[in-house]
C-alpha atoms as a PDB file:
ATOM      1  CA  UNK A   1       3.297  37.996  18.488  1.00  0.00           C
ATOM      2  CA  UNK A   2       4.667  34.973  16.675  1.00  0.00           C
ATOM      3  CA  UNK A   3       5.504  34.058  13.088  1.00  0.00           C
ATOM      4  CA  UNK A   4       4.173  30.859  11.566  1.00  0.00           C
ATOM      5  CA  UNK A   5       5.230  29.497   8.180  1.00  0.00           C
ATOM      6  CA  UNK A   6       3.409  26.970   6.049  1.00  0.00           C
ATOM      7  CA  UNK A   7       4.176  25.165   2.804  1.00  0.00           C
ATOM      8  CA  UNK A   8       1.034  25.525   0.667  1.00  0.00           C
ATOM      9  CA  UNK A   9      -0.432  24.911  -2.758  1.00  0.00           C
ATOM     10  CA  UNK A  10      -1.474  28.580  -3.085  1.00  0.00           C
ATOM     11  CA  UNK A  11       0.201  29.274  -6.411  1.00  0.00           C
ATOM     12  CA  UNK A  12      -1.291  32.347  -8.085  1.00  0.00           C
ATOM     13  CA  UNK A  13      -3.062  35.646  -7.588  1.00  0.00           C
ATOM     14  CA  UNK A  14      -6.438  33.950  -7.975  1.00  0.00           C
ATOM     15  CA  UNK A  15      -5.575  31.554  -5.169  1.00  0.00           C
ATOM     16  CA  UNK A  16      -4.503  34.458  -2.969  1.00  0.00           C
ATOM     17  CA  UNK A  17      -7.795  36.225  -3.723  1.00  0.00           C
ATOM     18  CA  UNK A  18      -9.670  33.056  -2.728  1.00  0.00           C
ATOM     19  CA  UNK A  19      -7.911  32.686   0.644  1.00  0.00           C
ATOM     20  CA  UNK A  20      -7.875  36.401   1.529  1.00  0.00           C
ATOM     21  CA  UNK A  21     -11.334  36.503   3.170  1.00  0.00           C
ATOM     22  CA  UNK A  22     -10.625  33.226   4.963  1.00  0.00           C
ATOM     23  CA  UNK A  23      -7.330  34.343   6.496  1.00  0.00           C
ATOM     24  CA  UNK A  24      -8.577  37.882   7.165  1.00  0.00           C
ATOM     25  CA  UNK A  25     -11.481  36.436   9.196  1.00  0.00           C
ATOM     26  CA  UNK A  26      -9.204  34.614  11.655  1.00  0.00           C
ATOM     27  CA  UNK A  27      -9.021  37.190  14.475  1.00  0.00           C
ATOM     28  CA  UNK A  28      -5.617  36.086  15.822  1.00  0.00           C
ATOM     29  CA  UNK A  29      -3.897  36.853  12.483  1.00  0.00           C
ATOM     30  CA  UNK A  30      -2.543  40.386  12.232  1.00  0.00           C
ATOM     31  CA  UNK A  31      -0.678  40.024   8.914  1.00  0.00           C
ATOM     32  CA  UNK A  32      -0.079  37.337   6.315  1.00  0.00           C
ATOM     33  CA  UNK A  33       1.508  36.898   2.902  1.00  0.00           C
ATOM     34  CA  UNK A  34       2.186  34.121   0.401  1.00  0.00           C
ATOM     35  CA  UNK A  35       5.472  33.943  -1.495  1.00  0.00           C
ATOM     36  CA  UNK A  36       4.243  32.442  -4.777  1.00  0.00           C
ATOM     37  CA  UNK A  37       7.744  32.794  -6.274  1.00  0.00           C
ATOM     38  CA  UNK A  38       9.120  30.317  -3.729  1.00  0.00           C
ATOM     39  CA  UNK A  39       8.792  26.680  -4.902  1.00  0.00           C
ATOM     40  CA  UNK A  40       7.190  25.812  -1.559  1.00  0.00           C
ATOM     41  CA  UNK A  41       4.611  28.627  -1.925  1.00  0.00           C
ATOM     42  CA  UNK A  42       5.331  29.753   1.629  1.00  0.00           C
ATOM     43  CA  UNK A  43       2.532  31.331   3.638  1.00  0.00           C
ATOM     44  CA  UNK A  44       3.941  33.518   6.424  1.00  0.00           C
ATOM     45  CA  UNK A  45       1.584  34.587   9.198  1.00  0.00           C
ATOM     46  CA  UNK A  46       2.116  37.122  11.978  1.00  0.00           C
ATOM     47  CA  UNK A  47      -0.317  36.188  14.725  1.00  0.00           C
ATOM     48  CA  UNK A  48      -1.133  36.230  18.401  1.00  0.00           C
ATOM     49  CA  UNK A  49       0.419  33.359  20.314  1.00  0.00           C
ATOM     50  CA  UNK A  50      -3.069  31.922  20.889  1.00  0.00           C
ATOM     51  CA  UNK A  51      -3.424  30.987  17.206  1.00  0.00           C
ATOM     52  CA  UNK A  52      -3.525  27.223  16.747  1.00  0.00           C
ATOM     53  CA  UNK A  53      -1.769  25.788  13.696  1.00  0.00           C
ATOM     54  CA  UNK A  54      -4.816  23.573  13.146  1.00  0.00           C
ATOM     55  CA  UNK A  55      -7.014  26.661  12.772  1.00  0.00           C
ATOM     56  CA  UNK A  56      -5.046  27.786   9.713  1.00  0.00           C
ATOM     57  CA  UNK A  57      -4.730  24.291   8.245  1.00  0.00           C
ATOM     58  CA  UNK A  58      -8.452  23.546   8.678  1.00  0.00           C
ATOM     59  CA  UNK A  59      -9.557  26.905   7.255  1.00  0.00           C
ATOM     60  CA  UNK A  60      -7.415  26.473   4.154  1.00  0.00           C
ATOM     61  CA  UNK A  61      -8.474  22.840   3.673  1.00  0.00           C
ATOM     62  CA  UNK A  62     -12.142  23.875   3.707  1.00  0.00           C
ATOM     63  CA  UNK A  63     -11.288  26.257   0.840  1.00  0.00           C
ATOM     64  CA  UNK A  64      -9.520  23.491  -1.108  1.00  0.00           C
ATOM     65  CA  UNK A  65      -5.907  24.343  -0.255  1.00  0.00           C
ATOM     66  CA  UNK A  66      -3.236  22.523   1.718  1.00  0.00           C
ATOM     67  CA  UNK A  67      -0.927  23.909   4.381  1.00  0.00           C
ATOM     68  CA  UNK A  68       1.863  22.175   6.263  1.00  0.00           C
ATOM     69  CA  UNK A  69       3.698  24.035   9.012  1.00  0.00           C
ATOM     70  CA  UNK A  70       7.427  24.465   8.407  1.00  0.00           C
ATOM     71  CA  UNK A  71      10.204  25.486  10.775  1.00  0.00           C
ATOM     72  CA  UNK A  72      11.942  27.892   8.405  1.00  0.00           C
END
């Protein structure tokens, strides 16, 4: 299990509702959350080590959101 963090433009409950089915349908993800109080709108994902960063970025981009992996 690994933790990935992304800076996003997911900024409200409506945005979270929009990305929920997208992130829930990525089988390698076991848990995720977005800190919309953080200025960087951090998406934290708990996932299998097989999860590719590009999978998350591409899925969110198709839904109209951005995600950039961070190291924090």
